[in-house]
Amino acid sequence: QITYIVVPLFMPFLAGYPEFSMVWIAILIAMNLQTSFLTPPFGWSLIFMKGVAPRGIKTTDIYKGAIPFVIIQLGALGLLVAFPQIALWLPEAIGW
């Protein structure tokens, strides 16, 4: 996957900036990957859904049904970018 290539390339640069928390970056990457599972053409969740759906359900129906969840996921990702403390309060509370 592209994640195995891109993350090791950019992590050393991001680690050099004290304003970027590595926990926050990891959460952003995880949220972004979770969003990718719901988007065509390589949305694994959509492919699995098609595999278990009844015969009358078309792939386009599954794609249309995933749209609200993708919007919610992108909204949550936007909130995490705008307000990093949403993702960092718990790690800070437990002493990370």
PDB file of N, CA and C in Angstrom:
ATOM      1  N   GLN A   1       0.821  -1.171   0.000  1.00  0.00           N
ATOM      2  CA  GLN A   1       0.000   0.000   0.000  1.00  0.00           C
ATOM      3  C   GLN A   1       0.872   1.243   0.000  1.00  0.00           C
ATOM      4  N   ILE A   2       0.307   2.342  -0.446  1.00  0.00           N
ATOM      5  CA  ILE A   2       1.024   3.610  -0.514  1.00  0.00           C
ATOM      6  C   ILE A   2       1.427   4.101   0.879  1.00  0.00           C
ATOM      7  N   THR A   3       0.692   3.694   1.899  1.00  0.00           N
ATOM      8  CA  THR A   3       0.994   4.112   3.265  1.00  0.00           C
ATOM      9  C   THR A   3       2.372   3.622   3.702  1.00  0.00           C
ATOM     10  N   TYR A   4       2.735   2.417   3.273  1.00  0.00           N
ATOM     11  CA  TYR A   4       4.036   1.866   3.647  1.00  0.00           C
ATOM     12  C   TYR A   4       5.185   2.651   3.026  1.00  0.00           C
ATOM     13  N   ILE A   5       4.928   3.376   1.966  1.00  0.00           N
ATOM     14  CA  ILE A   5       5.958   4.170   1.304  1.00  0.00           C
ATOM     15  C   ILE A   5       5.962   5.604   1.822  1.00  0.00           C
ATOM     16  N   VAL A   6       4.792   6.218   1.891  1.00  0.00           N
ATOM     17  CA  VAL A   6       4.695   7.641   2.194  1.00  0.00           C
ATOM     18  C   VAL A   6       4.978   7.947   3.663  1.00  0.00           C
ATOM     19  N   VAL A   7       4.436   7.174   4.584  1.00  0.00           N
ATOM     20  CA  VAL A   7       4.593   7.478   6.007  1.00  0.00           C
ATOM     21  C   VAL A   7       6.064   7.446   6.432  1.00  0.00           C
ATOM     22  N   PRO A   8       6.840   6.420   6.097  1.00  0.00           N
ATOM     23  CA  PRO A   8       8.248   6.462   6.499  1.00  0.00           C
ATOM     24  C   PRO A   8       9.045   7.593   5.837  1.00  0.00           C
ATOM     25  N   LEU A   9       8.614   8.044   4.672  1.00  0.00           N
ATOM     26  CA  LEU A   9       9.312   9.150   4.023  1.00  0.00           C
ATOM     27  C   LEU A   9       9.050  10.485   4.718  1.00  0.00           C
ATOM     28  N   PHE A  10       7.830  10.727   5.148  1.00  0.00           N
ATOM     29  CA  PHE A  10       7.470  12.023   5.709  1.00  0.00           C
ATOM     30  C   PHE A  10       7.578  12.109   7.229  1.00  0.00           C
ATOM     31  N   MET A  11       7.561  10.981   7.923  1.00  0.00           N
ATOM     32  CA  MET A  11       7.607  11.016   9.386  1.00  0.00           C
ATOM     33  C   MET A  11       8.849  11.721   9.933  1.00  0.00           C
ATOM     34  N   PRO A  12      10.053  11.487   9.392  1.00  0.00           N
ATOM     35  CA  PRO A  12      11.209  12.206   9.939  1.00  0.00           C
ATOM     36  C   PRO A  12      11.093  13.724   9.799  1.00  0.00           C
ATOM     37  N   PHE A  13      10.513  14.203   8.708  1.00  0.00           N
ATOM     38  CA  PHE A  13      10.332  15.640   8.533  1.00  0.00           C
ATOM     39  C   PHE A  13       9.323  16.190   9.542  1.00  0.00           C
ATOM     40  N   LEU A  14       8.219  15.461   9.737  1.00  0.00           N
ATOM     41  CA  LEU A  14       7.191  15.910  10.673  1.00  0.00           C
ATOM     42  C   LEU A  14       7.683  15.837  12.118  1.00  0.00           C
ATOM     43  N   ALA A  15       8.523  14.854  12.406  1.00  0.00           N
ATOM     44  CA  ALA A  15       9.044  14.720  13.771  1.00  0.00           C
ATOM     45  C   ALA A  15       9.961  15.888  14.136  1.00  0.00           C
ATOM     46  N   GLY A  16      10.515  16.552  13.131  1.00  0.00           N
ATOM     47  CA  GLY A  16      11.388  17.691  13.380  1.00  0.00           C
ATOM     48  C   GLY A  16      10.656  18.951  13.800  1.00  0.00           C
ATOM     49  N   TYR A  17       9.366  19.002  13.627  1.00  0.00           N
ATOM     50  CA  TYR A  17       8.579  20.173  14.002  1.00  0.00           C
ATOM     51  C   TYR A  17       7.931  19.935  15.352  1.00  0.00           C
ATOM     52  N   PRO A  18       8.280  20.731  16.354  1.00  0.00           N
ATOM     53  CA  PRO A  18       7.713  20.485  17.700  1.00  0.00           C
ATOM     54  C   PRO A  18       6.211  20.753  17.783  1.00  0.00           C
ATOM     55  N   GLU A  19       5.660  21.544  16.851  1.00  0.00           N
ATOM     56  CA  GLU A  19       4.218  21.817  16.925  1.00  0.00           C
ATOM     57  C   GLU A  19       3.366  20.649  16.435  1.00  0.00           C
ATOM     58  N   PHE A  20       3.991  19.642  15.800  1.00  0.00           N
ATOM     59  CA  PHE A  20       3.269  18.457  15.352  1.00  0.00           C
ATOM     60  C   PHE A  20       3.477  17.334  16.358  1.00  0.00           C
ATOM     61  N   SER A  21       2.394  16.859  16.937  1.00  0.00           N
ATOM     62  CA  SER A  21       2.452  15.703  17.826  1.00  0.00           C
ATOM     63  C   SER A  21       2.402  14.441  16.970  1.00  0.00           C
ATOM     64  N   MET A  22       3.275  13.499  17.244  1.00  0.00           N
ATOM     65  CA  MET A  22       3.285  12.254  16.474  1.00  0.00           C
ATOM     66  C   MET A  22       2.016  11.441  16.732  1.00  0.00           C
ATOM     67  N   VAL A  23       1.441  11.589  17.915  1.00  0.00           N
ATOM     68  CA  VAL A  23       0.162  10.923  18.203  1.00  0.00           C
ATOM     69  C   VAL A  23      -0.920  11.504  17.295  1.00  0.00           C
ATOM     70  N   TRP A  24      -0.938  12.818  17.163  1.00  0.00           N
ATOM     71  CA  TRP A  24      -1.922  13.482  16.307  1.00  0.00           C
ATOM     72  C   TRP A  24      -1.755  13.050  14.855  1.00  0.00           C
ATOM     73  N   ILE A  25      -0.504  13.001  14.378  1.00  0.00           N
ATOM     74  CA  ILE A  25      -0.241  12.568  12.996  1.00  0.00           C
ATOM     75  C   ILE A  25      -0.721  11.134  12.799  1.00  0.00           C
ATOM     76  N   ALA A  26      -0.439  10.256  13.756  1.00  0.00           N
ATOM     77  CA  ALA A  26      -0.867   8.862  13.640  1.00  0.00           C
ATOM     78  C   ALA A  26      -2.390   8.750  13.595  1.00  0.00           C
ATOM     79  N   ILE A  27      -3.078   9.559  14.391  1.00  0.00           N
ATOM     80  CA  ILE A  27      -4.546   9.531  14.390  1.00  0.00           C
ATOM     81  C   ILE A  27      -5.082  10.056  13.064  1.00  0.00           C
ATOM     82  N   LEU A  28      -4.462  11.104  12.526  1.00  0.00           N
ATOM     83  CA  LEU A  28      -4.879  11.613  11.211  1.00  0.00           C
ATOM     84  C   LEU A  28      -4.690  10.562  10.124  1.00  0.00           C
ATOM     85  N   ILE A  29      -3.576   9.848  10.171  1.00  0.00           N
ATOM     86  CA  ILE A  29      -3.331   8.797   9.185  1.00  0.00           C
ATOM     87  C   ILE A  29      -4.375   7.692   9.323  1.00  0.00           C
ATOM     88  N   ALA A  30      -4.667   7.292  10.556  1.00  0.00           N
ATOM     89  CA  ALA A  30      -5.654   6.235  10.780  1.00  0.00           C
ATOM     90  C   ALA A  30      -7.043   6.660  10.302  1.00  0.00           C
ATOM     91  N   MET A  31      -7.422   7.900  10.594  1.00  0.00           N
ATOM     92  CA  MET A  31      -8.727   8.391  10.138  1.00  0.00           C
ATOM     93  C   MET A  31      -8.783   8.457   8.614  1.00  0.00           C
ATOM     94  N   ASN A  32      -7.695   8.891   8.003  1.00  0.00           N
ATOM     95  CA  ASN A  32      -7.651   8.966   6.550  1.00  0.00           C
ATOM     96  C   ASN A  32      -7.752   7.573   5.935  1.00  0.00           C
ATOM     97  N   LEU A  33      -7.074   6.592   6.509  1.00  0.00           N
ATOM     98  CA  LEU A  33      -7.176   5.220   6.014  1.00  0.00           C
ATOM     99  C   LEU A  33      -8.585   4.675   6.183  1.00  0.00           C
ATOM    100  N   GLN A  34      -9.198   4.999   7.308  1.00  0.00           N
ATOM    101  CA  GLN A  34     -10.573   4.549   7.542  1.00  0.00           C
ATOM    102  C   GLN A  34     -11.518   5.138   6.493  1.00  0.00           C
ATOM    103  N   THR A  35     -11.288   6.388   6.123  1.00  0.00           N
ATOM    104  CA  THR A  35     -12.096   7.010   5.077  1.00  0.00           C
ATOM    105  C   THR A  35     -11.865   6.329   3.738  1.00  0.00           C
ATOM    106  N   SER A  36     -10.633   5.935   3.476  1.00  0.00           N
ATOM    107  CA  SER A  36     -10.330   5.302   2.188  1.00  0.00           C
ATOM    108  C   SER A  36     -11.033   3.955   2.034  1.00  0.00           C
ATOM    109  N   PHE A  37     -11.354   3.298   3.126  1.00  0.00           N
ATOM    110  CA  PHE A  37     -12.061   2.020   3.036  1.00  0.00           C
ATOM    111  C   PHE A  37     -13.503   2.187   2.565  1.00  0.00           C
ATOM    112  N   LEU A  38     -14.009   3.427   2.589  1.00  0.00           N
ATOM    113  CA  LEU A  38     -15.395   3.680   2.208  1.00  0.00           C
ATOM    114  C   LEU A  38     -15.542   4.361   0.855  1.00  0.00           C
ATOM    115  N   THR A  39     -14.434   4.614   0.172  1.00  0.00           N
ATOM    116  CA  THR A  39     -14.513   5.353  -1.091  1.00  0.00           C
ATOM    117  C   THR A  39     -14.104   4.472  -2.259  1.00  0.00           C
ATOM    118  N   PRO A  40     -14.854   4.552  -3.356  1.00  0.00           N
ATOM    119  CA  PRO A  40     -14.492   3.794  -4.545  1.00  0.00           C
ATOM    120  C   PRO A  40     -13.239   4.383  -5.180  1.00  0.00           C
ATOM    121  N   PRO A  41     -12.540   3.693  -6.003  1.00  0.00           N
ATOM    122  CA  PRO A  41     -12.811   2.358  -6.524  1.00  0.00           C
ATOM    123  C   PRO A  41     -12.229   1.238  -5.670  1.00  0.00           C
ATOM    124  N   PHE A  42     -11.388   1.576  -4.685  1.00  0.00           N
ATOM    125  CA  PHE A  42     -10.735   0.521  -3.903  1.00  0.00           C
ATOM    126  C   PHE A  42     -11.197   0.502  -2.462  1.00  0.00           C
ATOM    127  N   GLY A  43     -12.453   0.824  -2.223  1.00  0.00           N
ATOM    128  CA  GLY A  43     -12.992   0.811  -0.875  1.00  0.00           C
ATOM    129  C   GLY A  43     -13.259  -0.609  -0.430  1.00  0.00           C
ATOM    130  N   TRP A  44     -12.380  -1.137   0.405  1.00  0.00           N
ATOM    131  CA  TRP A  44     -12.513  -2.537   0.805  1.00  0.00           C
ATOM    132  C   TRP A  44     -13.831  -2.806   1.510  1.00  0.00           C
ATOM    133  N   SER A  45     -14.292  -1.880   2.301  1.00  0.00           N
ATOM    134  CA  SER A  45     -15.580  -2.081   2.983  1.00  0.00           C
ATOM    135  C   SER A  45     -16.711  -2.210   1.972  1.00  0.00           C
ATOM    136  N   LEU A  46     -16.635  -1.430   0.898  1.00  0.00           N
ATOM    137  CA  LEU A  46     -17.672  -1.503  -0.142  1.00  0.00           C
ATOM    138  C   LEU A  46     -17.610  -2.836  -0.885  1.00  0.00           C
ATOM    139  N   ILE A  47     -16.414  -3.316  -1.134  1.00  0.00           N
ATOM    140  CA  ILE A  47     -16.254  -4.604  -1.817  1.00  0.00           C
ATOM    141  C   ILE A  47     -16.796  -5.735  -0.940  1.00  0.00           C
ATOM    142  N   PHE A  48     -16.480  -5.685   0.354  1.00  0.00           N
ATOM    143  CA  PHE A  48     -16.998  -6.706   1.266  1.00  0.00           C
ATOM    144  C   PHE A  48     -18.514  -6.632   1.369  1.00  0.00           C
ATOM    145  N   MET A  49     -19.039  -5.402   1.375  1.00  0.00           N
ATOM    146  CA  MET A  49     -20.484  -5.208   1.450  1.00  0.00           C
ATOM    147  C   MET A  49     -21.166  -5.830   0.229  1.00  0.00           C
ATOM    148  N   LYS A  50     -20.579  -5.646  -0.938  1.00  0.00           N
ATOM    149  CA  LYS A  50     -21.142  -6.219  -2.161  1.00  0.00           C
ATOM    150  C   LYS A  50     -21.137  -7.749  -2.075  1.00  0.00           C
ATOM    151  N   GLY A  51     -20.122  -8.283  -1.443  1.00  0.00           N
ATOM    152  CA  GLY A  51     -20.024  -9.742  -1.320  1.00  0.00           C
ATOM    153  C   GLY A  51     -21.103 -10.354  -0.452  1.00  0.00           C
ATOM    154  N   VAL A  52     -21.603  -9.622   0.518  1.00  0.00           N
ATOM    155  CA  VAL A  52     -22.621 -10.178   1.420  1.00  0.00           C
ATOM    156  C   VAL A  52     -24.024  -9.657   1.130  1.00  0.00           C
ATOM    157  N   ALA A  53     -24.144  -8.736   0.180  1.00  0.00           N
ATOM    158  CA  ALA A  53     -25.448  -8.150  -0.140  1.00  0.00           C
ATOM    159  C   ALA A  53     -26.302  -9.138  -0.939  1.00  0.00           C
ATOM    160  N   PRO A  54     -27.618  -9.032  -0.805  1.00  0.00           N
ATOM    161  CA  PRO A  54     -28.499  -9.862  -1.632  1.00  0.00           C
ATOM    162  C   PRO A  54     -28.293  -9.573  -3.112  1.00  0.00           C
ATOM    163  N   ARG A  55     -28.720 -10.492  -3.945  1.00  0.00           N
ATOM    164  CA  ARG A  55     -28.489 -10.384  -5.391  1.00  0.00           C
ATOM    165  C   ARG A  55     -29.080  -9.124  -6.014  1.00  0.00           C
ATOM    166  N   GLY A  56     -30.152  -8.612  -5.495  1.00  0.00           N
ATOM    167  CA  GLY A  56     -30.812  -7.458  -6.098  1.00  0.00           C
ATOM    168  C   GLY A  56     -30.118  -6.129  -5.850  1.00  0.00           C
ATOM    169  N   ILE A  57     -29.148  -6.108  -4.969  1.00  0.00           N
ATOM    170  CA  ILE A  57     -28.450  -4.867  -4.627  1.00  0.00           C
ATOM    171  C   ILE A  57     -27.307  -4.645  -5.611  1.00  0.00           C
ATOM    172  N   LYS A  58     -27.317  -3.467  -6.256  1.00  0.00           N
ATOM    173  CA  LYS A  58     -26.256  -3.137  -7.216  1.00  0.00           C
ATOM    174  C   LYS A  58     -25.106  -2.441  -6.505  1.00  0.00           C
ATOM    175  N   THR A  59     -23.948  -2.487  -7.135  1.00  0.00           N
ATOM    176  CA  THR A  59     -22.768  -1.826  -6.580  1.00  0.00           C
ATOM    177  C   THR A  59     -23.004  -0.330  -6.445  1.00  0.00           C
ATOM    178  N   THR A  60     -23.695   0.269  -7.392  1.00  0.00           N
ATOM    179  CA  THR A  60     -23.966   1.708  -7.307  1.00  0.00           C
ATOM    180  C   THR A  60     -24.848   2.035  -6.102  1.00  0.00           C
ATOM    181  N   ASP A  61     -25.757   1.127  -5.744  1.00  0.00           N
ATOM    182  CA  ASP A  61     -26.576   1.335  -4.548  1.00  0.00           C
ATOM    183  C   ASP A  61     -25.703   1.367  -3.289  1.00  0.00           C
ATOM    184  N   ILE A  62     -24.718   0.503  -3.243  1.00  0.00           N
ATOM    185  CA  ILE A  62     -23.806   0.467  -2.097  1.00  0.00           C
ATOM    186  C   ILE A  62     -22.973   1.741  -2.055  1.00  0.00           C
ATOM    187  N   TYR A  63     -22.489   2.189  -3.216  1.00  0.00           N
ATOM    188  CA  TYR A  63     -21.710   3.438  -3.271  1.00  0.00           C
ATOM    189  C   TYR A  63     -22.542   4.616  -2.800  1.00  0.00           C
ATOM    190  N   LYS A  64     -23.795   4.693  -3.258  1.00  0.00           N
ATOM    191  CA  LYS A  64     -24.669   5.796  -2.837  1.00  0.00           C
ATOM    192  C   LYS A  64     -24.964   5.726  -1.345  1.00  0.00           C
ATOM    193  N   GLY A  65     -25.113   4.533  -0.813  1.00  0.00           N
ATOM    194  CA  GLY A  65     -25.375   4.375   0.611  1.00  0.00           C
ATOM    195  C   GLY A  65     -24.200   4.756   1.489  1.00  0.00           C
ATOM    196  N   ALA A  66     -23.001   4.705   0.922  1.00  0.00           N
ATOM    197  CA  ALA A  66     -21.793   5.037   1.690  1.00  0.00           C
ATOM    198  C   ALA A  66     -21.530   6.541   1.741  1.00  0.00           C
ATOM    199  N   ILE A  67     -22.160   7.308   0.886  1.00  0.00           N
ATOM    200  CA  ILE A  67     -21.891   8.750   0.798  1.00  0.00           C
ATOM    201  C   ILE A  67     -22.078   9.471   2.139  1.00  0.00           C
ATOM    202  N   PRO A  68     -23.181   9.262   2.875  1.00  0.00           N
ATOM    203  CA  PRO A  68     -23.313   9.971   4.159  1.00  0.00           C
ATOM    204  C   PRO A  68     -22.192   9.635   5.143  1.00  0.00           C
ATOM    205  N   PHE A  69     -21.739   8.391   5.131  1.00  0.00           N
ATOM    206  CA  PHE A  69     -20.675   7.990   6.041  1.00  0.00           C
ATOM    207  C   PHE A  69     -19.340   8.613   5.652  1.00  0.00           C
ATOM    208  N   VAL A  70     -19.101   8.747   4.357  1.00  0.00           N
ATOM    209  CA  VAL A  70     -17.880   9.406   3.887  1.00  0.00           C
ATOM    210  C   VAL A  70     -17.911  10.880   4.290  1.00  0.00           C
ATOM    211  N   ILE A  71     -19.059  11.512   4.161  1.00  0.00           N
ATOM    212  CA  ILE A  71     -19.183  12.920   4.548  1.00  0.00           C
ATOM    213  C   ILE A  71     -18.936  13.089   6.049  1.00  0.00           C
ATOM    214  N   ILE A  72     -19.503  12.207   6.856  1.00  0.00           N
ATOM    215  CA  ILE A  72     -19.276  12.256   8.299  1.00  0.00           C
ATOM    216  C   ILE A  72     -17.793  12.046   8.610  1.00  0.00           C
ATOM    217  N   GLN A  73     -17.180  11.097   7.946  1.00  0.00           N
ATOM    218  CA  GLN A  73     -15.760  10.807   8.176  1.00  0.00           C
ATOM    219  C   GLN A  73     -14.889  11.997   7.781  1.00  0.00           C
ATOM    220  N   LEU A  74     -15.180  12.627   6.652  1.00  0.00           N
ATOM    221  CA  LEU A  74     -14.410  13.793   6.223  1.00  0.00           C
ATOM    222  C   LEU A  74     -14.619  14.972   7.174  1.00  0.00           C
ATOM    223  N   GLY A  75     -15.842  15.119   7.682  1.00  0.00           N
ATOM    224  CA  GLY A  75     -16.104  16.156   8.670  1.00  0.00           C
ATOM    225  C   GLY A  75     -15.303  15.930   9.947  1.00  0.00           C
ATOM    226  N   ALA A  76     -15.254  14.686  10.401  1.00  0.00           N
ATOM    227  CA  ALA A  76     -14.475  14.357  11.595  1.00  0.00           C
ATOM    228  C   ALA A  76     -12.987  14.584  11.353  1.00  0.00           C
ATOM    229  N   LEU A  77     -12.513  14.241  10.168  1.00  0.00           N
ATOM    230  CA  LEU A  77     -11.114  14.476   9.825  1.00  0.00           C
ATOM    231  C   LEU A  77     -10.812  15.972   9.800  1.00  0.00           C
ATOM    232  N   GLY A  78     -11.717  16.749   9.254  1.00  0.00           N
ATOM    233  CA  GLY A  78     -11.560  18.205   9.248  1.00  0.00           C
ATOM    234  C   GLY A  78     -11.520  18.780  10.655  1.00  0.00           C
ATOM    235  N   LEU A  79     -12.376  18.260  11.540  1.00  0.00           N
ATOM    236  CA  LEU A  79     -12.363  18.717  12.929  1.00  0.00           C
ATOM    237  C   LEU A  79     -11.051  18.367  13.625  1.00  0.00           C
ATOM    238  N   LEU A  80     -10.508  17.184  13.326  1.00  0.00           N
ATOM    239  CA  LEU A  80      -9.231  16.800  13.919  1.00  0.00           C
ATOM    240  C   LEU A  80      -8.088  17.672  13.427  1.00  0.00           C
ATOM    241  N   VAL A  81      -8.163  18.093  12.180  1.00  0.00           N
ATOM    242  CA  VAL A  81      -7.133  18.991  11.658  1.00  0.00           C
ATOM    243  C   VAL A  81      -7.271  20.377  12.284  1.00  0.00           C
ATOM    244  N   ALA A  82      -8.488  20.867  12.378  1.00  0.00           N
ATOM    245  CA  ALA A  82      -8.722  22.207  12.911  1.00  0.00           C
ATOM    246  C   ALA A  82      -8.515  22.280  14.426  1.00  0.00           C
ATOM    247  N   PHE A  83      -8.867  21.218  15.131  1.00  0.00           N
ATOM    248  CA  PHE A  83      -8.779  21.204  16.588  1.00  0.00           C
ATOM    249  C   PHE A  83      -8.043  19.946  17.048  1.00  0.00           C
ATOM    250  N   PRO A  84      -6.723  19.954  17.031  1.00  0.00           N
ATOM    251  CA  PRO A  84      -5.953  18.755  17.397  1.00  0.00           C
ATOM    252  C   PRO A  84      -6.234  18.244  18.811  1.00  0.00           C
ATOM    253  N   GLN A  85      -6.682  19.119  19.699  1.00  0.00           N
ATOM    254  CA  GLN A  85      -6.943  18.698  21.070  1.00  0.00           C
ATOM    255  C   GLN A  85      -8.045  17.646  21.167  1.00  0.00           C
ATOM    256  N   ILE A  86      -8.895  17.565  20.164  1.00  0.00           N
ATOM    257  CA  ILE A  86      -9.921  16.511  20.159  1.00  0.00           C
ATOM    258  C   ILE A  86      -9.250  15.147  20.216  1.00  0.00           C
ATOM    259  N   ALA A  87      -8.170  14.997  19.467  1.00  0.00           N
ATOM    260  CA  ALA A  87      -7.466  13.717  19.410  1.00  0.00           C
ATOM    261  C   ALA A  87      -6.443  13.562  20.529  1.00  0.00           C
ATOM    262  N   LEU A  88      -5.987  14.668  21.098  1.00  0.00           N
ATOM    263  CA  LEU A  88      -4.863  14.598  22.027  1.00  0.00           C
ATOM    264  C   LEU A  88      -5.246  14.620  23.498  1.00  0.00           C
ATOM    265  N   TRP A  89      -6.486  14.919  23.822  1.00  0.00           N
ATOM    266  CA  TRP A  89      -6.826  15.052  25.238  1.00  0.00           C
ATOM    267  C   TRP A  89      -6.664  13.741  25.990  1.00  0.00           C
ATOM    268  N   LEU A  90      -7.091  12.622  25.396  1.00  0.00           N
ATOM    269  CA  LEU A  90      -6.991  11.343  26.095  1.00  0.00           C
ATOM    270  C   LEU A  90      -5.538  10.891  26.251  1.00  0.00           C
ATOM    271  N   PRO A  91      -4.713  10.917  25.193  1.00  0.00           N
ATOM    272  CA  PRO A  91      -3.312  10.560  25.402  1.00  0.00           C
ATOM    273  C   PRO A  91      -2.622  11.435  26.447  1.00  0.00           C
ATOM    274  N   GLU A  92      -2.948  12.732  26.463  1.00  0.00           N
ATOM    275  CA  GLU A  92      -2.369  13.618  27.477  1.00  0.00           C
ATOM    276  C   GLU A  92      -2.885  13.280  28.877  1.00  0.00           C
ATOM    277  N   ALA A  93      -4.156  12.870  28.956  1.00  0.00           N
ATOM    278  CA  ALA A  93      -4.746  12.536  30.252  1.00  0.00           C
ATOM    279  C   ALA A  93      -4.103  11.282  30.864  1.00  0.00           C
ATOM    280  N   ILE A  94      -3.661  10.357  30.015  1.00  0.00           N
ATOM    281  CA  ILE A  94      -3.041   9.137  30.543  1.00  0.00           C
ATOM    282  C   ILE A  94      -1.519   9.236  30.589  1.00  0.00           C
ATOM    283  N   GLY A  95      -0.996  10.402  30.215  1.00  0.00           N
ATOM    284  CA  GLY A  95       0.434  10.643  30.376  1.00  0.00           C
ATOM    285  C   GLY A  95       1.316  10.321  29.187  1.00  0.00           C
ATOM    286  N   TRP A  96       0.759  10.265  28.002  1.00  0.00           N
ATOM    287  CA  TRP A  96       1.583   9.995  26.808  1.00  0.00           C
ATOM    288  C   TRP A  96       2.279  11.240  26.398  1.00  0.00           C
TER     289      TRP A  96
END
